[in-house]
């Protein structure tokens, strides 16, 4: 198991990520290659993701991506959302991005 996968439980789901070697961009394994958008990522059952990671590493052109590993998904999220804050930042952008803004509560007078 990849070191970064140690938080994965066997009943959840994961996606596979890497960094594109050409420009360092974060990419996600999609049904048709690599995508810069996590919503296009292929979702794997955690029981099968290790084999999928091995296949992705074998299939990856040495000049295309590096650092391939699995990312556990939040089972309560309505869209593809990583479980950990680190991976959410990688998926959705810096913490100043609107997806990380605190929820505004209405002022009661």
N, C-alpha and C. Protein backbone atom coordinates (compact mmCIF):
# COMPACT_ATOMS: atom_id res chain seq x y z
N UNK A 1 0.85 -1.19 0.00
CA UNK A 1 0.00 0.00 0.00
C UNK A 1 0.89 1.24 0.00
N UNK A 2 0.56 2.19 -0.84
CA UNK A 2 1.30 3.44 -0.90
C UNK A 2 1.20 4.15 0.45
N UNK A 3 2.26 4.79 0.86
CA UNK A 3 2.31 5.46 2.15
C UNK A 3 1.18 6.46 2.32
N UNK A 4 0.84 7.16 1.26
CA UNK A 4 -0.21 8.18 1.35
C UNK A 4 -1.60 7.58 1.41
N UNK A 5 -1.71 6.28 1.24
CA UNK A 5 -3.02 5.62 1.26
C UNK A 5 -3.40 5.09 2.62
N UNK A 6 -2.60 5.34 3.64
CA UNK A 6 -2.83 4.69 4.93
C UNK A 6 -4.11 5.11 5.62
N UNK A 7 -4.80 6.11 5.15
CA UNK A 7 -6.05 6.53 5.78
C UNK A 7 -7.27 5.88 5.13
N UNK A 8 -7.05 5.08 4.12
CA UNK A 8 -8.17 4.52 3.38
C UNK A 8 -8.75 3.32 4.13
N UNK A 9 -10.08 3.30 4.25
CA UNK A 9 -10.73 2.12 4.81
C UNK A 9 -11.18 1.24 3.66
N UNK A 10 -11.50 0.01 3.94
CA UNK A 10 -11.81 -0.93 2.86
C UNK A 10 -13.26 -0.85 2.37
N UNK A 11 -14.10 -0.05 3.02
CA UNK A 11 -15.50 0.01 2.61
C UNK A 11 -15.84 1.25 1.80
N UNK A 12 -14.93 2.20 1.70
CA UNK A 12 -15.22 3.44 1.00
C UNK A 12 -14.82 3.42 -0.46
N UNK A 13 -14.62 4.61 -0.99
CA UNK A 13 -14.23 4.77 -2.39
C UNK A 13 -13.07 5.75 -2.48
N UNK A 14 -12.34 5.66 -3.57
CA UNK A 14 -11.19 6.53 -3.79
C UNK A 14 -11.08 6.90 -5.26
N UNK A 15 -10.28 7.93 -5.51
CA UNK A 15 -9.87 8.29 -6.85
C UNK A 15 -8.35 8.20 -6.88
N UNK A 16 -7.78 8.27 -8.09
CA UNK A 16 -6.33 8.19 -8.22
C UNK A 16 -5.82 9.53 -8.73
N UNK A 17 -4.76 10.01 -8.11
CA UNK A 17 -4.18 11.30 -8.47
C UNK A 17 -2.71 11.16 -8.79
N UNK A 18 -2.16 12.20 -9.40
CA UNK A 18 -0.73 12.27 -9.72
C UNK A 18 -0.41 13.73 -10.05
N UNK A 19 0.85 13.97 -10.35
CA UNK A 19 1.26 15.28 -10.84
C UNK A 19 1.76 15.10 -12.26
N UNK A 20 1.31 15.98 -13.14
CA UNK A 20 1.77 15.94 -14.52
C UNK A 20 3.22 16.42 -14.54
N UNK A 21 4.07 15.64 -15.13
CA UNK A 21 5.50 15.91 -15.13
C UNK A 21 5.85 17.19 -15.90
N UNK A 22 5.16 17.45 -16.99
CA UNK A 22 5.45 18.60 -17.83
C UNK A 22 5.35 19.92 -17.08
N UNK A 23 4.29 20.10 -16.28
CA UNK A 23 4.06 21.39 -15.62
C UNK A 23 3.75 21.30 -14.13
N UNK A 24 3.74 20.09 -13.57
CA UNK A 24 3.50 19.92 -12.14
C UNK A 24 2.04 19.99 -11.73
N UNK A 25 1.13 20.16 -12.69
CA UNK A 25 -0.30 20.27 -12.36
C UNK A 25 -0.81 18.98 -11.74
N UNK A 26 -1.76 19.12 -10.85
CA UNK A 26 -2.42 17.98 -10.23
C UNK A 26 -3.41 17.42 -11.23
N UNK A 27 -3.38 16.11 -11.41
CA UNK A 27 -4.29 15.45 -12.34
C UNK A 27 -4.95 14.26 -11.66
N UNK A 28 -6.08 13.86 -12.21
CA UNK A 28 -6.90 12.78 -11.65
C UNK A 28 -7.14 11.76 -12.76
N UNK A 29 -7.04 10.50 -12.43
CA UNK A 29 -7.26 9.45 -13.42
C UNK A 29 -8.75 9.41 -13.78
N UNK A 30 -9.02 9.66 -15.04
CA UNK A 30 -10.39 9.66 -15.57
C UNK A 30 -10.56 8.42 -16.44
N UNK A 31 -11.78 8.12 -16.85
CA UNK A 31 -11.99 6.96 -17.71
C UNK A 31 -11.16 7.01 -19.00
N UNK A 32 -10.88 8.21 -19.49
CA UNK A 32 -10.11 8.36 -20.73
C UNK A 32 -8.83 9.15 -20.48
N UNK A 33 -7.94 8.67 -19.63
CA UNK A 33 -6.67 9.35 -19.38
C UNK A 33 -6.69 10.18 -18.11
N UNK A 34 -5.91 11.26 -18.11
CA UNK A 34 -5.77 12.11 -16.92
C UNK A 34 -6.49 13.43 -17.14
N UNK A 35 -7.16 13.92 -16.09
CA UNK A 35 -7.91 15.16 -16.15
C UNK A 35 -7.43 16.10 -15.04
N UNK A 36 -7.50 17.39 -15.29
CA UNK A 36 -7.17 18.38 -14.26
C UNK A 36 -8.36 18.63 -13.33
N UNK A 37 -9.50 18.02 -13.61
CA UNK A 37 -10.72 18.27 -12.86
C UNK A 37 -11.14 17.01 -12.10
N UNK A 38 -11.22 17.10 -10.78
CA UNK A 38 -11.54 15.92 -9.98
C UNK A 38 -12.94 15.38 -10.29
N UNK A 39 -13.86 16.23 -10.69
CA UNK A 39 -15.22 15.75 -10.97
C UNK A 39 -15.24 14.77 -12.15
N UNK A 40 -14.19 14.75 -12.95
CA UNK A 40 -14.11 13.82 -14.08
C UNK A 40 -13.36 12.54 -13.70
N UNK A 41 -12.90 12.45 -12.46
CA UNK A 41 -12.11 11.29 -12.04
C UNK A 41 -12.96 10.02 -11.97
N UNK A 42 -12.32 8.92 -12.26
CA UNK A 42 -12.96 7.61 -12.12
C UNK A 42 -12.92 7.23 -10.65
N UNK A 43 -14.04 6.77 -10.13
CA UNK A 43 -14.14 6.38 -8.71
C UNK A 43 -13.98 4.87 -8.60
N UNK A 44 -13.13 4.45 -7.66
CA UNK A 44 -12.85 3.03 -7.42
C UNK A 44 -13.28 2.65 -6.02
N UNK A 45 -13.80 1.42 -5.86
CA UNK A 45 -14.01 0.88 -4.52
C UNK A 45 -12.64 0.73 -3.88
N UNK A 46 -12.55 1.01 -2.59
CA UNK A 46 -11.26 0.91 -1.91
C UNK A 46 -10.66 -0.48 -1.98
N UNK A 47 -11.50 -1.49 -2.06
CA UNK A 47 -10.99 -2.86 -2.15
C UNK A 47 -10.25 -3.10 -3.47
N UNK A 48 -10.53 -2.29 -4.48
CA UNK A 48 -9.94 -2.49 -5.80
C UNK A 48 -8.93 -1.41 -6.19
N UNK A 49 -8.80 -0.37 -5.39
CA UNK A 49 -7.99 0.77 -5.82
C UNK A 49 -6.49 0.46 -5.87
N UNK A 50 -6.00 -0.41 -5.01
CA UNK A 50 -4.56 -0.74 -5.06
C UNK A 50 -4.18 -1.35 -6.40
N UNK A 51 -5.00 -2.27 -6.90
CA UNK A 51 -4.74 -2.85 -8.21
C UNK A 51 -4.82 -1.79 -9.30
N UNK A 52 -5.77 -0.87 -9.18
CA UNK A 52 -5.92 0.20 -10.17
C UNK A 52 -4.70 1.13 -10.14
N UNK A 53 -4.16 1.39 -8.96
CA UNK A 53 -2.96 2.22 -8.84
C UNK A 53 -1.78 1.52 -9.53
N UNK A 54 -1.64 0.23 -9.29
CA UNK A 54 -0.56 -0.53 -9.94
C UNK A 54 -0.69 -0.47 -11.45
N UNK A 55 -1.91 -0.63 -11.95
CA UNK A 55 -2.14 -0.57 -13.40
C UNK A 55 -1.84 0.82 -13.95
N UNK A 56 -2.23 1.85 -13.19
CA UNK A 56 -1.98 3.23 -13.63
C UNK A 56 -0.48 3.50 -13.70
N UNK A 57 0.26 2.95 -12.74
CA UNK A 57 1.71 3.15 -12.74
C UNK A 57 2.36 2.45 -13.92
N UNK A 58 1.88 1.27 -14.26
CA UNK A 58 2.42 0.52 -15.40
C UNK A 58 2.05 1.22 -16.71
N UNK A 59 0.81 1.70 -16.80
CA UNK A 59 0.32 2.30 -18.03
C UNK A 59 0.84 3.71 -18.26
N UNK A 60 1.23 4.38 -17.17
CA UNK A 60 1.66 5.78 -17.30
C UNK A 60 2.96 5.86 -18.08
N UNK A 61 2.96 6.72 -19.06
CA UNK A 61 4.18 6.99 -19.80
C UNK A 61 5.13 7.68 -18.83
N UNK A 62 6.36 7.25 -18.78
CA UNK A 62 7.34 7.80 -17.84
C UNK A 62 7.47 9.31 -17.95
N UNK A 63 7.14 9.87 -19.08
CA UNK A 63 7.25 11.31 -19.27
C UNK A 63 5.95 12.06 -19.05
N UNK A 64 4.92 11.39 -18.53
CA UNK A 64 3.61 12.02 -18.41
C UNK A 64 3.26 12.43 -16.98
N UNK A 65 3.23 11.48 -16.05
CA UNK A 65 2.84 11.76 -14.66
C UNK A 65 3.82 11.12 -13.69
N UNK A 66 3.86 11.68 -12.48
CA UNK A 66 4.67 11.13 -11.40
C UNK A 66 3.85 11.16 -10.11
N UNK A 67 4.25 10.37 -9.14
CA UNK A 67 3.61 10.40 -7.82
C UNK A 67 2.18 9.91 -7.82
N UNK A 68 1.91 8.81 -8.46
CA UNK A 68 0.55 8.27 -8.55
C UNK A 68 0.16 7.64 -7.21
N UNK A 69 -1.00 8.03 -6.67
CA UNK A 69 -1.50 7.43 -5.44
C UNK A 69 -3.02 7.61 -5.33
N UNK A 70 -3.62 6.87 -4.41
CA UNK A 70 -5.07 6.92 -4.21
C UNK A 70 -5.47 7.94 -3.17
N UNK A 71 -6.67 8.48 -3.33
CA UNK A 71 -7.21 9.48 -2.42
C UNK A 71 -8.60 9.02 -1.96
N UNK A 72 -8.75 8.81 -0.67
CA UNK A 72 -10.03 8.42 -0.07
C UNK A 72 -11.04 9.53 -0.26
N UNK A 73 -12.27 9.16 -0.61
CA UNK A 73 -13.35 10.14 -0.79
C UNK A 73 -14.22 10.23 0.45
N UNK A 74 -14.80 11.41 0.63
CA UNK A 74 -15.72 11.65 1.74
C UNK A 74 -17.04 10.96 1.41
N UNK A 75 -17.43 9.96 2.20
CA UNK A 75 -18.66 9.21 1.89
C UNK A 75 -19.94 10.02 2.05
N UNK A 76 -19.86 11.15 2.75
CA UNK A 76 -21.06 11.96 2.99
C UNK A 76 -21.20 13.11 2.01
N UNK A 77 -20.22 13.31 1.16
CA UNK A 77 -20.27 14.42 0.20
C UNK A 77 -21.18 14.08 -0.96
N UNK A 78 -21.79 15.11 -1.54
CA UNK A 78 -22.70 14.90 -2.67
C UNK A 78 -21.97 14.89 -4.02
N UNK A 79 -20.72 15.33 -4.04
CA UNK A 79 -19.91 15.27 -5.26
C UNK A 79 -18.57 14.62 -4.89
N UNK A 80 -17.74 14.35 -5.89
CA UNK A 80 -16.45 13.73 -5.62
C UNK A 80 -15.62 14.71 -4.78
N UNK A 81 -15.41 14.35 -3.52
CA UNK A 81 -14.72 15.22 -2.57
C UNK A 81 -13.76 14.39 -1.73
N UNK A 82 -12.48 14.74 -1.74
CA UNK A 82 -11.53 14.00 -0.91
C UNK A 82 -11.88 14.12 0.58
N UNK A 83 -11.50 13.11 1.33
CA UNK A 83 -11.78 13.06 2.75
C UNK A 83 -10.91 14.03 3.54
N UNK A 84 -9.64 14.14 3.19
CA UNK A 84 -8.71 14.95 3.99
C UNK A 84 -8.63 16.38 3.45
N UNK A 85 -8.30 17.30 4.34
CA UNK A 85 -8.16 18.71 3.96
C UNK A 85 -7.02 18.86 2.95
N UNK A 86 -5.93 18.16 3.14
CA UNK A 86 -4.79 18.25 2.21
C UNK A 86 -5.24 17.94 0.79
N UNK A 87 -5.99 16.86 0.62
CA UNK A 87 -6.41 16.47 -0.71
C UNK A 87 -7.53 17.37 -1.24
N UNK A 88 -8.33 17.95 -0.35
CA UNK A 88 -9.34 18.92 -0.81
C UNK A 88 -8.66 20.16 -1.38
N UNK A 89 -7.58 20.59 -0.73
CA UNK A 89 -6.83 21.73 -1.24
C UNK A 89 -6.24 21.39 -2.60
N UNK A 90 -5.68 20.20 -2.75
CA UNK A 90 -5.13 19.79 -4.05
C UNK A 90 -6.23 19.75 -5.11
N UNK A 91 -7.44 19.31 -4.74
CA UNK A 91 -8.52 19.14 -5.70
C UNK A 91 -9.21 20.45 -6.08
N UNK A 92 -9.41 21.31 -5.09
CA UNK A 92 -10.26 22.48 -5.33
C UNK A 92 -9.52 23.80 -5.32
N UNK A 93 -8.25 23.79 -5.07
CA UNK A 93 -7.48 25.03 -5.12
C UNK A 93 -7.07 25.52 -3.75
N UNK A 94 -6.46 26.68 -3.71
CA UNK A 94 -5.96 27.19 -2.43
C UNK A 94 -7.09 27.46 -1.46
N UNK A 95 -6.74 27.59 -0.20
CA UNK A 95 -7.76 27.77 0.84
C UNK A 95 -8.49 29.10 0.73
N UNK A 96 -8.05 29.99 -0.14
CA UNK A 96 -8.78 31.24 -0.37
C UNK A 96 -9.86 31.05 -1.42
N UNK A 97 -9.92 29.86 -2.01
CA UNK A 97 -10.94 29.53 -3.00
C UNK A 97 -12.31 29.49 -2.32
N UNK A 98 -13.40 29.87 -3.01
CA UNK A 98 -14.74 29.88 -2.40
C UNK A 98 -15.18 28.55 -1.77
N UNK A 99 -14.67 27.41 -2.27
CA UNK A 99 -15.05 26.13 -1.69
C UNK A 99 -14.57 25.98 -0.24
N UNK A 100 -13.62 26.83 0.18
CA UNK A 100 -13.11 26.76 1.55
C UNK A 100 -13.60 27.91 2.41
N UNK A 101 -14.46 28.77 1.87
CA UNK A 101 -14.97 29.90 2.63
C UNK A 101 -15.89 29.42 3.75
N UNK A 102 -15.83 30.08 4.89
CA UNK A 102 -16.73 29.68 5.98
C UNK A 102 -18.18 29.92 5.59
N UNK A 103 -19.05 29.12 6.12
CA UNK A 103 -20.48 29.28 5.85
C UNK A 103 -20.97 30.52 6.58
N UNK A 104 -21.60 31.40 5.84
CA UNK A 104 -22.14 32.63 6.43
C UNK A 104 -23.43 32.33 7.18
N UNK A 105 -23.54 32.86 8.36
CA UNK A 105 -24.78 32.69 9.11
C UNK A 105 -25.55 34.01 9.06
N UNK A 106 -26.83 33.95 8.87
CA UNK A 106 -27.61 35.19 8.80
C UNK A 106 -27.62 35.90 10.14
N UNK A 107 -27.60 37.22 10.07
CA UNK A 107 -27.65 38.02 11.30
C UNK A 107 -29.10 38.14 11.75
N UNK A 108 -29.35 37.86 12.97
CA UNK A 108 -30.70 37.94 13.52
C UNK A 108 -30.78 39.23 14.34
N UNK A 109 -31.77 40.04 14.05
CA UNK A 109 -31.94 41.30 14.79
C UNK A 109 -33.09 41.22 15.72
